[in-house]
Amino acid sequence: MDLTLIYYLVPSMIMFCCGVYGFITRHNMIAMLISLELMLNAVDINFVVFNRYLYPHALEGMFFTLFAIAIAAAETAVAIAIIINVFRAAKNIDVADLTKMKN
């Protein structure tokens, strides 16, 4: 049984919308980072689905997704290091309180 494209795109759209909502409404840097990763994973699902739908025997979407996952892992490591340094300086990782660090 061949599943249609909509069975993959709807969960991906829900994941992306949840990530956008979490990124906009959260003030904690860790929660914002998790929301950003959720959005990136939704985009990766779309890459794989559209590659499989448009070019069933090609693997470009899969390789691009693996590359995007590796870049996201490196980005997460750098972001966590920045968050740790902000916490050491401000004793808080709330985004609204970071304006105090402008001095």
PDB file of N, CA and C in Angstrom:
ATOM      1  N   MET A   1       0.846  -1.184   0.000  1.00  0.00           N
ATOM      2  CA  MET A   1       0.000   0.000   0.000  1.00  0.00           C
ATOM      3  C   MET A   1       0.888   1.244   0.000  1.00  0.00           C
ATOM      4  N   ASP A   2       0.638   2.101  -0.933  1.00  0.00           N
ATOM      5  CA  ASP A   2       1.423   3.322  -1.063  1.00  0.00           C
ATOM      6  C   ASP A   2       0.733   4.464  -0.326  1.00  0.00           C
ATOM      7  N   LEU A   3       1.421   4.997   0.645  1.00  0.00           N
ATOM      8  CA  LEU A   3       0.860   6.111   1.383  1.00  0.00           C
ATOM      9  C   LEU A   3       0.993   7.384   0.566  1.00  0.00           C
ATOM     10  N   THR A   4      -0.004   8.203   0.653  1.00  0.00           N
ATOM     11  CA  THR A   4       0.050   9.452  -0.092  1.00  0.00           C
ATOM     12  C   THR A   4       0.923  10.461   0.648  1.00  0.00           C
ATOM     13  N   LEU A   5       1.189  11.529  -0.033  1.00  0.00           N
ATOM     14  CA  LEU A   5       2.078  12.561   0.485  1.00  0.00           C
ATOM     15  C   LEU A   5       1.505  13.249   1.718  1.00  0.00           C
ATOM     16  N   ILE A   6       0.210  13.332   1.809  1.00  0.00           N
ATOM     17  CA  ILE A   6      -0.434  14.082   2.892  1.00  0.00           C
ATOM     18  C   ILE A   6      -0.199  13.426   4.256  1.00  0.00           C
ATOM     19  N   TYR A   7      -0.012  12.114   4.285  1.00  0.00           N
ATOM     20  CA  TYR A   7       0.212  11.416   5.551  1.00  0.00           C
ATOM     21  C   TYR A   7       1.556  11.784   6.178  1.00  0.00           C
ATOM     22  N   TYR A   8       2.469  12.285   5.388  1.00  0.00           N
ATOM     23  CA  TYR A   8       3.765  12.719   5.900  1.00  0.00           C
ATOM     24  C   TYR A   8       3.816  14.230   6.108  1.00  0.00           C
ATOM     25  N   LEU A   9       3.118  14.969   5.255  1.00  0.00           N
ATOM     26  CA  LEU A   9       3.190  16.427   5.329  1.00  0.00           C
ATOM     27  C   LEU A   9       2.395  17.003   6.493  1.00  0.00           C
ATOM     28  N   VAL A  10       1.301  16.387   6.849  1.00  0.00           N
ATOM     29  CA  VAL A  10       0.498  16.904   7.966  1.00  0.00           C
ATOM     30  C   VAL A  10       1.248  16.800   9.293  1.00  0.00           C
ATOM     31  N   PRO A  11       1.840  15.653   9.658  1.00  0.00           N
ATOM     32  CA  PRO A  11       2.620  15.631  10.905  1.00  0.00           C
ATOM     33  C   PRO A  11       3.825  16.574  10.863  1.00  0.00           C
ATOM     34  N   SER A  12       4.434  16.704   9.693  1.00  0.00           N
ATOM     35  CA  SER A  12       5.551  17.630   9.567  1.00  0.00           C
ATOM     36  C   SER A  12       5.092  19.069   9.760  1.00  0.00           C
ATOM     37  N   MET A  13       3.938  19.408   9.218  1.00  0.00           N
ATOM     38  CA  MET A  13       3.392  20.753   9.398  1.00  0.00           C
ATOM     39  C   MET A  13       3.033  21.010  10.859  1.00  0.00           C
ATOM     40  N   ILE A  14       2.478  20.005  11.521  1.00  0.00           N
ATOM     41  CA  ILE A  14       2.144  20.150  12.936  1.00  0.00           C
ATOM     42  C   ILE A  14       3.411  20.342  13.761  1.00  0.00           C
ATOM     43  N   MET A  15       4.457  19.570  13.454  1.00  0.00           N
ATOM     44  CA  MET A  15       5.732  19.734  14.157  1.00  0.00           C
ATOM     45  C   MET A  15       6.301  21.132  13.957  1.00  0.00           C
ATOM     46  N   PHE A  16       6.259  21.613  12.721  1.00  0.00           N
ATOM     47  CA  PHE A  16       6.804  22.931  12.433  1.00  0.00           C
ATOM     48  C   PHE A  16       6.006  24.016  13.149  1.00  0.00           C
ATOM     49  N   CYS A  17       4.687  23.907  13.133  1.00  0.00           N
ATOM     50  CA  CYS A  17       3.852  24.913  13.807  1.00  0.00           C
ATOM     51  C   CYS A  17       4.061  24.882  15.320  1.00  0.00           C
ATOM     52  N   CYS A  18       4.218  23.699  15.888  1.00  0.00           N
ATOM     53  CA  CYS A  18       4.515  23.611  17.326  1.00  0.00           C
ATOM     54  C   CYS A  18       5.871  24.241  17.636  1.00  0.00           C
ATOM     55  N   GLY A  19       6.831  24.055  16.752  1.00  0.00           N
ATOM     56  CA  GLY A  19       8.144  24.679  16.943  1.00  0.00           C
ATOM     57  C   GLY A  19       8.077  26.189  16.865  1.00  0.00           C
ATOM     58  N   VAL A  20       7.326  26.712  15.902  1.00  0.00           N
ATOM     59  CA  VAL A  20       7.168  28.176  15.786  1.00  0.00           C
ATOM     60  C   VAL A  20       6.470  28.727  17.016  1.00  0.00           C
ATOM     61  N   TYR A  21       5.408  28.058  17.450  1.00  0.00           N
ATOM     62  CA  TYR A  21       4.679  28.506  18.637  1.00  0.00           C
ATOM     63  C   TYR A  21       5.581  28.489  19.873  1.00  0.00           C
ATOM     64  N   GLY A  22       6.339  27.417  20.037  1.00  0.00           N
ATOM     65  CA  GLY A  22       7.244  27.326  21.179  1.00  0.00           C
ATOM     66  C   GLY A  22       8.336  28.372  21.131  1.00  0.00           C
ATOM     67  N   PHE A  23       8.848  28.656  19.945  1.00  0.00           N
ATOM     68  CA  PHE A  23       9.911  29.653  19.817  1.00  0.00           C
ATOM     69  C   PHE A  23       9.398  31.054  20.132  1.00  0.00           C
ATOM     70  N   ILE A  24       8.171  31.346  19.721  1.00  0.00           N
ATOM     71  CA  ILE A  24       7.618  32.683  19.945  1.00  0.00           C
ATOM     72  C   ILE A  24       7.190  32.879  21.398  1.00  0.00           C
ATOM     73  N   THR A  25       6.623  31.857  22.021  1.00  0.00           N
ATOM     74  CA  THR A  25       6.038  32.038  23.351  1.00  0.00           C
ATOM     75  C   THR A  25       7.002  31.796  24.495  1.00  0.00           C
ATOM     76  N   ARG A  26       8.079  31.098  24.298  1.00  0.00           N
ATOM     77  CA  ARG A  26       8.999  30.781  25.397  1.00  0.00           C
ATOM     78  C   ARG A  26       9.998  31.902  25.610  1.00  0.00           C
ATOM     79  N   HIS A  27      10.415  32.058  26.862  1.00  0.00           N
ATOM     80  CA  HIS A  27      11.431  33.053  27.201  1.00  0.00           C
ATOM     81  C   HIS A  27      12.730  32.394  27.654  1.00  0.00           C
ATOM     82  N   ASN A  28      12.692  31.096  27.855  1.00  0.00           N
ATOM     83  CA  ASN A  28      13.869  30.343  28.266  1.00  0.00           C
ATOM     84  C   ASN A  28      14.677  29.969  27.023  1.00  0.00           C
ATOM     85  N   MET A  29      15.989  30.186  27.070  1.00  0.00           N
ATOM     86  CA  MET A  29      16.820  29.908  25.893  1.00  0.00           C
ATOM     87  C   MET A  29      16.842  28.434  25.527  1.00  0.00           C
ATOM     88  N   ILE A  30      16.820  27.557  26.507  1.00  0.00           N
ATOM     89  CA  ILE A  30      16.831  26.116  26.224  1.00  0.00           C
ATOM     90  C   ILE A  30      15.535  25.707  25.515  1.00  0.00           C
ATOM     91  N   ALA A  31      14.403  26.225  25.983  1.00  0.00           N
ATOM     92  CA  ALA A  31      13.126  25.911  25.342  1.00  0.00           C
ATOM     93  C   ALA A  31      13.091  26.470  23.921  1.00  0.00           C
ATOM     94  N   MET A  32      13.672  27.633  23.713  1.00  0.00           N
ATOM     95  CA  MET A  32      13.726  28.200  22.360  1.00  0.00           C
ATOM     96  C   MET A  32      14.605  27.341  21.453  1.00  0.00           C
ATOM     97  N   LEU A  33      15.698  26.826  21.992  1.00  0.00           N
ATOM     98  CA  LEU A  33      16.578  25.956  21.212  1.00  0.00           C
ATOM     99  C   LEU A  33      15.876  24.652  20.851  1.00  0.00           C
ATOM    100  N   ILE A  34      15.129  24.090  21.773  1.00  0.00           N
ATOM    101  CA  ILE A  34      14.377  22.861  21.495  1.00  0.00           C
ATOM    102  C   ILE A  34      13.326  23.124  20.420  1.00  0.00           C
ATOM    103  N   SER A  35      12.663  24.271  20.481  1.00  0.00           N
ATOM    104  CA  SER A  35      11.668  24.616  19.467  1.00  0.00           C
ATOM    105  C   SER A  35      12.311  24.785  18.099  1.00  0.00           C
ATOM    106  N   LEU A  36      13.481  25.379  18.071  1.00  0.00           N
ATOM    107  CA  LEU A  36      14.205  25.531  16.810  1.00  0.00           C
ATOM    108  C   LEU A  36      14.590  24.177  16.229  1.00  0.00           C
ATOM    109  N   GLU A  37      15.028  23.263  17.078  1.00  0.00           N
ATOM    110  CA  GLU A  37      15.367  21.915  16.612  1.00  0.00           C
ATOM    111  C   GLU A  37      14.126  21.188  16.095  1.00  0.00           C
ATOM    112  N   LEU A  38      12.978  21.429  16.714  1.00  0.00           N
ATOM    113  CA  LEU A  38      11.738  20.819  16.243  1.00  0.00           C
ATOM    114  C   LEU A  38      11.398  21.309  14.843  1.00  0.00           C
ATOM    115  N   MET A  39      11.601  22.599  14.601  1.00  0.00           N
ATOM    116  CA  MET A  39      11.351  23.142  13.262  1.00  0.00           C
ATOM    117  C   MET A  39      12.325  22.547  12.243  1.00  0.00           C
ATOM    118  N   LEU A  40      13.589  22.421  12.614  1.00  0.00           N
ATOM    119  CA  LEU A  40      14.570  21.847  11.690  1.00  0.00           C
ATOM    120  C   LEU A  40      14.253  20.388  11.370  1.00  0.00           C
ATOM    121  N   ASN A  41      13.784  19.638  12.349  1.00  0.00           N
ATOM    122  CA  ASN A  41      13.418  18.238  12.097  1.00  0.00           C
ATOM    123  C   ASN A  41      12.202  18.134  11.181  1.00  0.00           C
ATOM    124  N   ALA A  42      11.265  19.060  11.312  1.00  0.00           N
ATOM    125  CA  ALA A  42      10.112  19.063  10.408  1.00  0.00           C
ATOM    126  C   ALA A  42      10.554  19.331   8.973  1.00  0.00           C
ATOM    127  N   VAL A  43      11.494  20.230   8.804  1.00  0.00           N
ATOM    128  CA  VAL A  43      12.016  20.522   7.464  1.00  0.00           C
ATOM    129  C   VAL A  43      12.766  19.313   6.911  1.00  0.00           C
ATOM    130  N   ASP A  44      13.498  18.614   7.754  1.00  0.00           N
ATOM    131  CA  ASP A  44      14.205  17.410   7.307  1.00  0.00           C
ATOM    132  C   ASP A  44      13.231  16.332   6.842  1.00  0.00           C
ATOM    133  N   ILE A  45      12.124  16.188   7.542  1.00  0.00           N
ATOM    134  CA  ILE A  45      11.094  15.231   7.110  1.00  0.00           C
ATOM    135  C   ILE A  45      10.573  15.615   5.729  1.00  0.00           C
ATOM    136  N   ASN A  46      10.365  16.913   5.507  1.00  0.00           N
ATOM    137  CA  ASN A  46       9.885  17.354   4.194  1.00  0.00           C
ATOM    138  C   ASN A  46      10.898  17.076   3.095  1.00  0.00           C
ATOM    139  N   PHE A  47      12.191  17.268   3.380  1.00  0.00           N
ATOM    140  CA  PHE A  47      13.220  16.946   2.383  1.00  0.00           C
ATOM    141  C   PHE A  47      13.141  15.489   1.971  1.00  0.00           C
ATOM    142  N   VAL A  48      13.031  14.603   2.933  1.00  0.00           N
ATOM    143  CA  VAL A  48      12.994  13.168   2.631  1.00  0.00           C
ATOM    144  C   VAL A  48      11.717  12.803   1.884  1.00  0.00           C
ATOM    145  N   VAL A  49      10.604  13.339   2.325  1.00  0.00           N
ATOM    146  CA  VAL A  49       9.323  12.997   1.695  1.00  0.00           C
ATOM    147  C   VAL A  49       9.273  13.484   0.249  1.00  0.00           C
ATOM    148  N   PHE A  50       9.670  14.728   0.016  1.00  0.00           N
ATOM    149  CA  PHE A  50       9.618  15.233  -1.353  1.00  0.00           C
ATOM    150  C   PHE A  50      10.645  14.544  -2.249  1.00  0.00           C
ATOM    151  N   ASN A  51      11.785  14.174  -1.707  1.00  0.00           N
ATOM    152  CA  ASN A  51      12.751  13.419  -2.500  1.00  0.00           C
ATOM    153  C   ASN A  51      12.177  12.057  -2.879  1.00  0.00           C
ATOM    154  N   ARG A  52      11.560  11.393  -1.925  1.00  0.00           N
ATOM    155  CA  ARG A  52      10.997  10.071  -2.199  1.00  0.00           C
ATOM    156  C   ARG A  52       9.814  10.170  -3.161  1.00  0.00           C
ATOM    157  N   TYR A  53       9.058  11.252  -3.083  1.00  0.00           N
ATOM    158  CA  TYR A  53       7.880  11.417  -3.944  1.00  0.00           C
ATOM    159  C   TYR A  53       8.269  11.827  -5.362  1.00  0.00           C
ATOM    160  N   LEU A  54       9.194  12.766  -5.497  1.00  0.00           N
ATOM    161  CA  LEU A  54       9.548  13.290  -6.822  1.00  0.00           C
ATOM    162  C   LEU A  54      10.591  12.429  -7.538  1.00  0.00           C
ATOM    163  N   TYR A  55      11.579  11.942  -6.782  1.00  0.00           N
ATOM    164  CA  TYR A  55      12.661  11.132  -7.366  1.00  0.00           C
ATOM    165  C   TYR A  55      12.814   9.861  -6.531  1.00  0.00           C
ATOM    166  N   PRO A  56      12.006   8.847  -6.791  1.00  0.00           N
ATOM    167  CA  PRO A  56      11.980   7.674  -5.904  1.00  0.00           C
ATOM    168  C   PRO A  56      13.287   6.891  -5.826  1.00  0.00           C
ATOM    169  N   HIS A  57      14.124   6.972  -6.850  1.00  0.00           N
ATOM    170  CA  HIS A  57      15.350   6.171  -6.839  1.00  0.00           C
ATOM    171  C   HIS A  57      16.593   6.997  -6.538  1.00  0.00           C
ATOM    172  N   ALA A  58      16.431   8.276  -6.281  1.00  0.00           N
ATOM    173  CA  ALA A  58      17.563   9.139  -5.965  1.00  0.00           C
ATOM    174  C   ALA A  58      17.676   9.302  -4.452  1.00  0.00           C
ATOM    175  N   LEU A  59      18.873   9.619  -4.002  1.00  0.00           N
ATOM    176  CA  LEU A  59      19.111   9.747  -2.565  1.00  0.00           C
ATOM    177  C   LEU A  59      19.560  11.146  -2.155  1.00  0.00           C
ATOM    178  N   GLU A  60      19.373  12.143  -3.013  1.00  0.00           N
ATOM    179  CA  GLU A  60      19.850  13.482  -2.680  1.00  0.00           C
ATOM    180  C   GLU A  60      19.154  14.047  -1.440  1.00  0.00           C
ATOM    181  N   GLY A  61      17.858  13.824  -1.309  1.00  0.00           N
ATOM    182  CA  GLY A  61      17.121  14.314  -0.141  1.00  0.00           C
ATOM    183  C   GLY A  61      17.602  13.682   1.145  1.00  0.00           C
ATOM    184  N   MET A  62      17.934  12.398   1.083  1.00  0.00           N
ATOM    185  CA  MET A  62      18.426  11.710   2.272  1.00  0.00           C
ATOM    186  C   MET A  62      19.802  12.226   2.671  1.00  0.00           C
ATOM    187  N   PHE A  63      20.677  12.413   1.679  1.00  0.00           N
ATOM    188  CA  PHE A  63      22.017  12.919   1.990  1.00  0.00           C
ATOM    189  C   PHE A  63      21.955  14.352   2.494  1.00  0.00           C
ATOM    190  N   PHE A  64      21.084  15.149   1.904  1.00  0.00           N
ATOM    191  CA  PHE A  64      20.933  16.522   2.366  1.00  0.00           C
ATOM    192  C   PHE A  64      20.387  16.557   3.789  1.00  0.00           C
ATOM    193  N   THR A  65      19.477  15.642   4.105  1.00  0.00           N
ATOM    194  CA  THR A  65      18.936  15.564   5.458  1.00  0.00           C
ATOM    195  C   THR A  65      20.005  15.140   6.449  1.00  0.00           C
ATOM    196  N   LEU A  66      20.834  14.180   6.092  1.00  0.00           N
ATOM    197  CA  LEU A  66      21.929  13.778   6.988  1.00  0.00           C
ATOM    198  C   LEU A  66      22.911  14.922   7.208  1.00  0.00           C
ATOM    199  N   PHE A  67      23.195  15.660   6.165  1.00  0.00           N
ATOM    200  CA  PHE A  67      24.063  16.828   6.292  1.00  0.00           C
ATOM    201  C   PHE A  67      23.422  17.882   7.191  1.00  0.00           C
ATOM    202  N   ALA A  68      22.115  18.107   7.037  1.00  0.00           N
ATOM    203  CA  ALA A  68      21.398  19.082   7.862  1.00  0.00           C
ATOM    204  C   ALA A  68      21.368  18.647   9.322  1.00  0.00           C
ATOM    205  N   ILE A  69      21.244  17.358   9.586  1.00  0.00           N
ATOM    206  CA  ILE A  69      21.262  16.859  10.962  1.00  0.00           C
ATOM    207  C   ILE A  69      22.630  17.081  11.585  1.00  0.00           C
ATOM    208  N   ALA A  70      23.686  16.851  10.817  1.00  0.00           N
ATOM    209  CA  ALA A  70      25.040  17.080  11.344  1.00  0.00           C
ATOM    210  C   ALA A  70      25.270  18.557  11.635  1.00  0.00           C
ATOM    211  N   ILE A  71      24.822  19.424  10.753  1.00  0.00           N
ATOM    212  CA  ILE A  71      24.948  20.865  10.981  1.00  0.00           C
ATOM    213  C   ILE A  71      24.119  21.288  12.190  1.00  0.00           C
ATOM    214  N   ALA A  72      22.933  20.727  12.351  1.00  0.00           N
ATOM    215  CA  ALA A  72      22.085  21.059  13.496  1.00  0.00           C
ATOM    216  C   ALA A  72      22.721  20.604  14.804  1.00  0.00           C
ATOM    217  N   ALA A  73      23.405  19.465  14.788  1.00  0.00           N
ATOM    218  CA  ALA A  73      24.086  19.001  15.993  1.00  0.00           C
ATOM    219  C   ALA A  73      25.218  19.951  16.372  1.00  0.00           C
ATOM    220  N   ALA A  74      25.979  20.401  15.390  1.00  0.00           N
ATOM    221  CA  ALA A  74      27.048  21.359  15.666  1.00  0.00           C
ATOM    222  C   ALA A  74      26.478  22.690  16.146  1.00  0.00           C
ATOM    223  N   GLU A  75      25.398  23.126  15.527  1.00  0.00           N
ATOM    224  CA  GLU A  75      24.745  24.373  15.942  1.00  0.00           C
ATOM    225  C   GLU A  75      24.225  24.271  17.363  1.00  0.00           C
ATOM    226  N   THR A  76      23.680  23.122  17.734  1.00  0.00           N
ATOM    227  CA  THR A  76      23.182  22.929  19.090  1.00  0.00           C
ATOM    228  C   THR A  76      24.320  22.957  20.105  1.00  0.00           C
ATOM    229  N   ALA A  77      25.440  22.351  19.763  1.00  0.00           N
ATOM    230  CA  ALA A  77      26.582  22.370  20.677  1.00  0.00           C
ATOM    231  C   ALA A  77      27.086  23.794  20.909  1.00  0.00           C
ATOM    232  N   VAL A  78      27.159  24.582  19.860  1.00  0.00           N
ATOM    233  CA  VAL A  78      27.589  25.981  19.996  1.00  0.00           C
ATOM    234  C   VAL A  78      26.557  26.782  20.786  1.00  0.00           C
ATOM    235  N   ALA A  79      25.282  26.561  20.518  1.00  0.00           N
ATOM    236  CA  ALA A  79      24.234  27.295  21.231  1.00  0.00           C
ATOM    237  C   ALA A  79      24.234  26.959  22.716  1.00  0.00           C
ATOM    238  N   ILE A  80      24.432  25.706  23.057  1.00  0.00           N
ATOM    239  CA  ILE A  80      24.477  25.326  24.474  1.00  0.00           C
ATOM    240  C   ILE A  80      25.693  25.937  25.152  1.00  0.00           C
ATOM    241  N   ALA A  81      26.817  26.000  24.459  1.00  0.00           N
ATOM    242  CA  ALA A  81      28.001  26.653  25.030  1.00  0.00           C
ATOM    243  C   ALA A  81      27.739  28.138  25.276  1.00  0.00           C
ATOM    244  N   ILE A  82      27.059  28.793  24.357  1.00  0.00           N
ATOM    245  CA  ILE A  82      26.711  30.208  24.549  1.00  0.00           C
ATOM    246  C   ILE A  82      25.750  30.357  25.718  1.00  0.00           C
ATOM    247  N   ILE A  83      24.771  29.479  25.821  1.00  0.00           N
ATOM    248  CA  ILE A  83      23.806  29.546  26.920  1.00  0.00           C
ATOM    249  C   ILE A  83      24.503  29.343  28.263  1.00  0.00           C
ATOM    250  N   ILE A  84      25.460  28.429  28.326  1.00  0.00           N
ATOM    251  CA  ILE A  84      26.202  28.208  29.570  1.00  0.00           C
ATOM    252  C   ILE A  84      26.991  29.450  29.951  1.00  0.00           C
ATOM    253  N   ASN A  85      27.623  30.108  28.984  1.00  0.00           N
ATOM    254  CA  ASN A  85      28.363  31.336  29.287  1.00  0.00           C
ATOM    255  C   ASN A  85      27.439  32.466  29.720  1.00  0.00           C
ATOM    256  N   VAL A  86      26.260  32.560  29.110  1.00  0.00           N
ATOM    257  CA  VAL A  86      25.290  33.570  29.534  1.00  0.00           C
ATOM    258  C   VAL A  86      24.821  33.288  30.956  1.00  0.00           C
ATOM    259  N   PHE A  87      24.599  32.005  31.274  1.00  0.00           N
ATOM    260  CA  PHE A  87      24.173  31.655  32.619  1.00  0.00           C
ATOM    261  C   PHE A  87      25.256  31.984  33.649  1.00  0.00           C
ATOM    262  N   ARG A  88      26.498  31.753  33.300  1.00  0.00           N
ATOM    263  CA  ARG A  88      27.588  32.082  34.227  1.00  0.00           C
ATOM    264  C   ARG A  88      27.684  33.585  34.482  1.00  0.00           C
ATOM    265  N   ALA A  89      27.387  34.378  33.464  1.00  0.00           N
ATOM    266  CA  ALA A  89      27.485  35.828  33.615  1.00  0.00           C
ATOM    267  C   ALA A  89      26.259  36.429  34.272  1.00  0.00           C
ATOM    268  N   ALA A  90      25.071  35.944  33.915  1.00  0.00           N
ATOM    269  CA  ALA A  90      23.837  36.588  34.382  1.00  0.00           C
ATOM    270  C   ALA A  90      23.079  35.782  35.422  1.00  0.00           C
ATOM    271  N   LYS A  91      23.465  34.532  35.658  1.00  0.00           N
ATOM    272  CA  LYS A  91      22.769  33.622  36.570  1.00  0.00           C
ATOM    273  C   LYS A  91      21.303  33.418  36.194  1.00  0.00           C
ATOM    274  N   ASN A  92      21.006  33.604  34.913  1.00  0.00           N
ATOM    275  CA  ASN A  92      19.650  33.455  34.413  1.00  0.00           C
ATOM    276  C   ASN A  92      19.728  33.240  32.898  1.00  0.00           C
ATOM    277  N   ILE A  93      18.845  32.411  32.364  1.00  0.00           N
ATOM    278  CA  ILE A  93      18.839  32.210  30.915  1.00  0.00           C
ATOM    279  C   ILE A  93      17.526  32.680  30.302  1.00  0.00           C
ATOM    280  N   ASP A  94      16.844  33.563  31.004  1.00  0.00           N
ATOM    281  CA  ASP A  94      15.624  34.153  30.478  1.00  0.00           C
ATOM    282  C   ASP A  94      15.991  35.233  29.471  1.00  0.00           C
ATOM    283  N   VAL A  95      15.379  35.196  28.311  1.00  0.00           N
ATOM    284  CA  VAL A  95      15.728  36.120  27.244  1.00  0.00           C
ATOM    285  C   VAL A  95      15.357  37.546  27.615  1.00  0.00           C
ATOM    286  N   ALA A  96      14.288  37.733  28.352  1.00  0.00           N
ATOM    287  CA  ALA A  96      13.860  39.085  28.721  1.00  0.00           C
ATOM    288  C   ALA A  96      14.856  39.764  29.655  1.00  0.00           C
ATOM    289  N   ASP A  97      15.611  38.997  30.422  1.00  0.00           N
ATOM    290  CA  ASP A  97      16.574  39.564  31.360  1.00  0.00           C
ATOM    291  C   ASP A  97      17.943  39.823  30.749  1.00  0.00           C
ATOM    292  N   LEU A  98      18.136  39.504  29.497  1.00  0.00           N
ATOM    293  CA  LEU A  98      19.454  39.654  28.883  1.00  0.00           C
ATOM    294  C   LEU A  98      19.779  41.096  28.503  1.00  0.00           C
ATOM    295  N   THR A  99      18.822  41.984  28.568  1.00  0.00           N
ATOM    296  CA  THR A  99      19.116  43.384  28.277  1.00  0.00           C
ATOM    297  C   THR A  99      20.013  43.992  29.337  1.00  0.00           C
ATOM    298  N   LYS A 100      20.091  43.362  30.494  1.00  0.00           N
ATOM    299  CA  LYS A 100      20.972  43.837  31.563  1.00  0.00           C
ATOM    300  C   LYS A 100      22.437  43.648  31.197  1.00  0.00           C
ATOM    301  N   MET A 101      22.728  42.773  30.260  1.00  0.00           N
ATOM    302  CA  MET A 101      24.108  42.470  29.906  1.00  0.00           C
ATOM    303  C   MET A 101      24.677  43.441  28.879  1.00  0.00           C
ATOM    304  N   LYS A 102      23.921  44.423  28.457  1.00  0.00           N
ATOM    305  CA  LYS A 102      24.401  45.352  27.429  1.00  0.00           C
ATOM    306  C   LYS A 102      25.492  46.273  27.960  1.00  0.00           C
ATOM    307  N   ASN A 103      25.607  46.447  29.232  1.00  0.00           N
ATOM    308  CA  ASN A 103      26.616  47.360  29.790  1.00  0.00           C
ATOM    309  C   ASN A 103      28.016  46.846  29.601  1.00  0.00           C
TER     310      ASN A 103
END
